[in-house]
Amino acid sequence: MTYFNNPADTFDILAGTNLASTDAYDTSPHVITAAFNGASSSIEVSGGTKTTGDAGSQSWDYGSVAMALDGTDGMRGYIAQLVVFDRELNETEIVQMQEYLTDRFEL
């Protein structure tokens, strides 16, 4: 699974199939929430909208963060913190994590 901003300048997630957010890439700091669940995957950029769709179903065992598996399409930016869970969070837990990260990094 991968998160990167592609040449089309959108925030994307990929687990075999590309799911692009509807929010244009910019240079501002963001909390980006991604849920990988095959056809029910989603990506949400703070201050934007939640985009849902098919991001594929490749295993995290063979994934990468900030670039495609072949080392291309690297992210232009920095990752301040990456949080990975081994289970699906409910909506309340997602909002709590988003608020925590927003407060922690003063976004």
Protein backbone atom coordinates (compact mmCIF):
# COMPACT_ATOMS: atom_id res chain seq x y z
CA MET A 1 0.00 0.00 0.00
CA THR A 2 1.26 3.42 -0.83
CA TYR A 3 0.46 7.05 -0.19
CA PHE A 4 1.96 9.57 -2.56
CA ASN A 5 1.15 12.69 -4.49
CA ASN A 6 1.29 11.79 -8.15
CA PRO A 7 2.25 13.90 -11.17
CA ALA A 8 -1.39 15.01 -11.46
CA ASP A 9 -0.85 16.75 -8.10
CA THR A 10 -3.48 15.01 -6.02
CA PHE A 11 -3.15 13.09 -2.79
CA ASP A 12 -3.38 9.38 -3.63
CA ILE A 13 -3.41 5.98 -2.00
CA LEU A 14 -2.57 2.77 -3.79
CA ALA A 15 -2.87 -0.90 -2.93
CA GLY A 16 -2.87 -2.17 -6.49
CA THR A 17 -5.36 0.40 -7.81
CA ASN A 18 -4.91 4.17 -7.55
CA LEU A 19 -7.48 6.15 -5.53
CA ALA A 20 -6.96 9.91 -5.94
CA SER A 21 -8.44 12.43 -3.56
CA THR A 22 -10.59 15.20 -4.94
CA ASP A 23 -8.38 17.72 -3.13
CA ALA A 24 -5.55 19.30 -5.10
CA TYR A 25 -2.05 18.84 -3.72
CA ASP A 26 -0.59 21.88 -2.01
CA THR A 27 2.41 22.62 0.17
CA SER A 28 0.48 23.19 3.41
CA PRO A 29 0.74 20.67 6.26
CA HIS A 30 -2.17 18.24 6.42
CA VAL A 31 -3.50 15.34 8.41
CA ILE A 32 -4.19 12.65 5.81
CA THR A 33 -6.43 9.76 6.81
CA ALA A 34 -6.34 6.68 4.60
CA ALA A 35 -8.30 3.48 5.05
CA PHE A 36 -7.33 0.51 2.89
CA ASN A 37 -10.25 -1.86 2.48
CA GLY A 38 -10.37 -2.92 -1.17
CA ALA A 39 -13.35 -1.39 -2.96
CA SER A 40 -14.35 0.44 0.26
CA SER A 41 -11.06 2.35 0.68
CA SER A 42 -10.95 6.06 1.46
CA ILE A 43 -8.63 9.03 1.69
CA GLU A 44 -9.40 12.26 3.52
CA VAL A 45 -7.22 15.35 3.56
CA SER A 46 -7.73 17.76 6.46
CA GLY A 47 -9.79 20.71 5.37
CA GLY A 48 -11.05 18.76 2.35
CA THR A 49 -13.47 16.06 1.43
CA LYS A 50 -13.43 12.31 1.98
CA THR A 51 -12.96 10.37 -1.26
CA THR A 52 -14.03 6.72 -1.33
CA GLY A 53 -13.44 4.03 -3.90
CA ASP A 54 -11.28 1.08 -4.86
CA ALA A 55 -7.61 1.31 -3.85
CA GLY A 56 -6.98 -2.36 -4.50
CA SER A 57 -6.22 -5.08 -2.01
CA GLN A 58 -2.46 -5.60 -1.99
CA SER A 59 -1.09 -6.60 1.39
CA TRP A 60 0.72 -4.12 3.65
CA ASP A 61 3.54 -6.71 3.76
CA TYR A 62 4.70 -5.48 0.36
CA GLY A 63 3.87 -1.82 0.68
CA SER A 64 5.65 1.47 0.86
CA VAL A 65 4.90 4.91 2.12
CA ALA A 66 5.50 8.06 0.09
CA MET A 67 6.36 6.33 -3.22
CA ALA A 68 5.28 3.61 -5.58
CA LEU A 69 6.62 0.09 -4.99
CA ASP A 70 9.11 0.52 -7.84
CA GLY A 71 10.58 3.64 -6.18
CA THR A 72 8.95 6.13 -8.55
CA ASP A 73 6.34 8.81 -7.89
CA GLY A 74 8.02 9.95 -4.70
CA MET A 75 6.21 12.29 -2.37
CA ARG A 76 7.30 15.91 -2.39
CA GLY A 77 7.24 16.78 1.28
CA TYR A 78 7.80 15.46 4.77
CA ILE A 79 6.06 13.00 7.03
CA ALA A 80 5.94 14.22 10.63
CA GLN A 81 4.20 11.15 12.01
CA LEU A 82 2.83 7.92 10.58
CA VAL A 83 0.26 5.99 12.60
CA VAL A 84 -0.73 2.48 11.49
CA PHE A 85 -3.38 0.33 13.16
CA ASP A 86 -3.81 -3.42 12.85
CA ARG A 87 -7.58 -3.12 12.86
CA GLU A 88 -10.27 -0.92 11.40
CA LEU A 89 -11.05 2.12 13.54
CA ASN A 90 -14.61 3.23 14.08
CA GLU A 91 -15.64 6.75 13.08
CA THR A 92 -15.27 8.12 16.65
CA GLU A 93 -11.70 6.78 16.89
CA ILE A 94 -10.82 8.25 13.50
CA VAL A 95 -12.08 11.70 14.50
CA GLN A 96 -10.20 11.47 17.81
CA MET A 97 -6.95 10.62 16.00
CA GLN A 98 -7.46 13.41 13.47
CA GLU A 99 -8.09 15.93 16.28
CA TYR A 100 -5.06 14.67 18.23
CA LEU A 101 -2.73 15.07 15.21
CA THR A 102 -4.22 18.44 14.28
CA ASP A 103 -3.61 19.70 17.83
CA ARG A 104 -0.17 18.09 18.16
CA PHE A 105 1.14 19.73 14.99
CA GLU A 106 -0.85 22.95 15.46
CA LEU A 107 -2.58 22.69 12.08
